[in-house]
Amino acid sequence: MFQSISRSDLQAAINTRSVTIVDALPPRAYRRRHLPDAVNLAAEDIDRVAEVLPDKAAAIVVYSTDEACTRGPELAQLLESLGYRNIRIYAGGIEDWAGAGLPVSAAVG
């Protein structure tokens, strides 16, 4: 079981750049909208993990669509199996973030 992070704690972590935010959704959904400064890494992209997340000791927050979406927890489990240890889950996901009126980013191009 992974520790969860609240929206307000995630906002604080984003503001201090003290965490790597990982969007576990497919690339198309990520390009449409994602949390500020989030990187995209879906579980099926296992070959890119070391490239996207080179520091296994870094603080990582994984999110997906919402609490019902399993992509975030599945990616967190995959990362843990690869030796990442400081993983939290933002269960509310992009829906909670956007629903609160917080800024989202879109991929350019």
Protein backbone atom coordinates (compact mmCIF):
# COMPACT_ATOMS: atom_id res chain seq x y z
CA MET A 1 0.00 0.00 0.00
CA PHE A 2 1.32 3.40 -0.94
CA GLN A 3 0.98 6.59 1.03
CA SER A 4 -1.40 9.06 -0.54
CA ILE A 5 -0.83 12.78 -0.91
CA SER A 6 -3.54 15.42 -0.61
CA ARG A 7 -4.18 18.09 -3.19
CA SER A 8 -2.89 20.82 -0.88
CA ASP A 9 0.29 18.89 -0.04
CA LEU A 10 0.85 18.21 -3.73
CA GLN A 11 0.42 21.91 -4.50
CA ALA A 12 3.06 22.71 -1.89
CA ALA A 13 5.42 20.09 -3.32
CA ILE A 14 4.93 21.50 -6.83
CA ASN A 15 5.62 25.02 -5.60
CA THR A 16 8.87 23.94 -3.93
CA ARG A 17 9.81 21.54 -6.76
CA SER A 18 10.44 18.87 -4.15
CA VAL A 19 8.78 16.03 -6.04
CA THR A 20 8.71 14.43 -9.47
CA ILE A 21 5.13 14.19 -10.68
CA VAL A 22 4.30 11.27 -12.94
CA ASP A 23 1.16 11.11 -15.06
CA ALA A 24 0.37 7.40 -15.54
CA LEU A 25 -2.18 7.96 -18.29
CA PRO A 26 -1.62 7.10 -21.97
CA PRO A 27 0.27 9.73 -24.00
CA ARG A 28 -2.87 11.03 -25.72
CA ALA A 29 -4.55 11.88 -22.41
CA TYR A 30 -1.30 13.39 -21.11
CA ARG A 31 -0.99 15.64 -24.17
CA ARG A 32 -4.55 16.87 -23.66
CA ARG A 33 -3.98 17.90 -20.03
CA HIS A 34 -1.71 17.12 -17.13
CA LEU A 35 -0.53 18.58 -13.85
CA PRO A 36 2.11 21.31 -14.15
CA ASP A 37 5.62 19.89 -14.65
CA ALA A 38 4.35 16.29 -14.78
CA VAL A 39 6.21 13.75 -16.85
CA ASN A 40 4.33 11.06 -18.72
CA LEU A 41 5.10 7.43 -17.98
CA ALA A 42 2.47 4.77 -18.49
CA ALA A 43 3.02 1.25 -17.12
CA GLU A 44 3.39 -0.05 -20.66
CA ASP A 45 6.45 2.23 -21.07
CA ILE A 46 8.64 0.10 -18.81
CA ASP A 47 11.58 0.52 -21.19
CA ARG A 48 11.59 4.30 -20.51
CA VAL A 49 11.52 4.18 -16.69
CA ALA A 50 15.26 4.71 -16.13
CA GLU A 51 15.29 7.54 -18.68
CA VAL A 52 12.30 9.36 -17.20
CA LEU A 53 13.10 8.60 -13.54
CA PRO A 54 16.89 8.23 -13.21
CA ASP A 55 17.00 8.76 -9.42
CA LYS A 56 15.45 5.84 -7.52
CA ALA A 57 15.66 7.81 -4.26
CA ALA A 58 13.72 10.84 -5.57
CA ALA A 59 10.31 11.72 -4.17
CA ILE A 60 7.72 10.63 -6.75
CA VAL A 61 3.99 11.29 -6.91
CA VAL A 62 2.01 9.17 -9.36
CA TYR A 63 -1.49 10.07 -10.50
CA SER A 64 -4.01 9.05 -13.13
CA THR A 65 -7.63 10.01 -13.84
CA ASP A 66 -9.37 9.69 -10.47
CA GLU A 67 -9.79 7.37 -7.48
CA ALA A 68 -11.44 4.68 -9.63
CA CYS A 69 -8.59 4.57 -12.15
CA THR A 70 -6.07 1.79 -11.55
CA ARG A 71 -3.29 3.14 -13.79
CA GLY A 72 -1.65 5.20 -11.03
CA PRO A 73 -1.49 2.43 -8.43
CA GLU A 74 -0.36 -0.08 -11.08
CA LEU A 75 2.49 2.21 -12.12
CA ALA A 76 3.43 2.79 -8.47
CA GLN A 77 3.66 -0.98 -7.96
CA LEU A 78 5.81 -1.34 -11.07
CA LEU A 79 8.14 1.42 -9.90
CA GLU A 80 8.43 -0.16 -6.46
CA SER A 81 9.33 -3.51 -8.06
CA LEU A 82 12.12 -1.69 -9.93
CA GLY A 83 13.58 -0.31 -6.71
CA TYR A 84 11.92 3.09 -6.34
CA ARG A 85 11.07 3.62 -2.68
CA ASN A 86 9.73 7.16 -2.16
CA ILE A 87 6.42 6.87 -4.02
CA ARG A 88 3.11 8.49 -3.13
CA ILE A 89 -0.18 8.44 -4.99
CA TYR A 90 -2.42 11.41 -5.71
CA ALA A 91 -5.64 9.39 -5.77
CA GLY A 92 -7.91 12.24 -6.87
CA GLY A 93 -5.93 12.50 -10.08
CA ILE A 94 -6.35 14.99 -12.87
CA GLU A 95 -10.12 15.12 -12.34
CA ASP A 96 -9.76 16.30 -8.73
CA TRP A 97 -7.03 18.79 -9.68
CA ALA A 98 -8.91 20.30 -12.63
CA GLY A 99 -12.22 20.14 -10.75
CA ALA A 100 -10.70 22.37 -8.06
CA GLY A 101 -9.91 24.95 -10.74
CA LEU A 102 -6.15 24.43 -10.50
CA PRO A 103 -3.98 24.98 -13.56
CA VAL A 104 -3.29 22.18 -15.98
CA SER A 105 -0.79 22.04 -18.81
CA ALA A 106 -1.12 20.68 -22.31
CA ALA A 107 1.65 19.28 -24.46
CA VAL A 108 2.68 21.51 -27.33
CA GLY A 109 2.77 20.13 -30.81
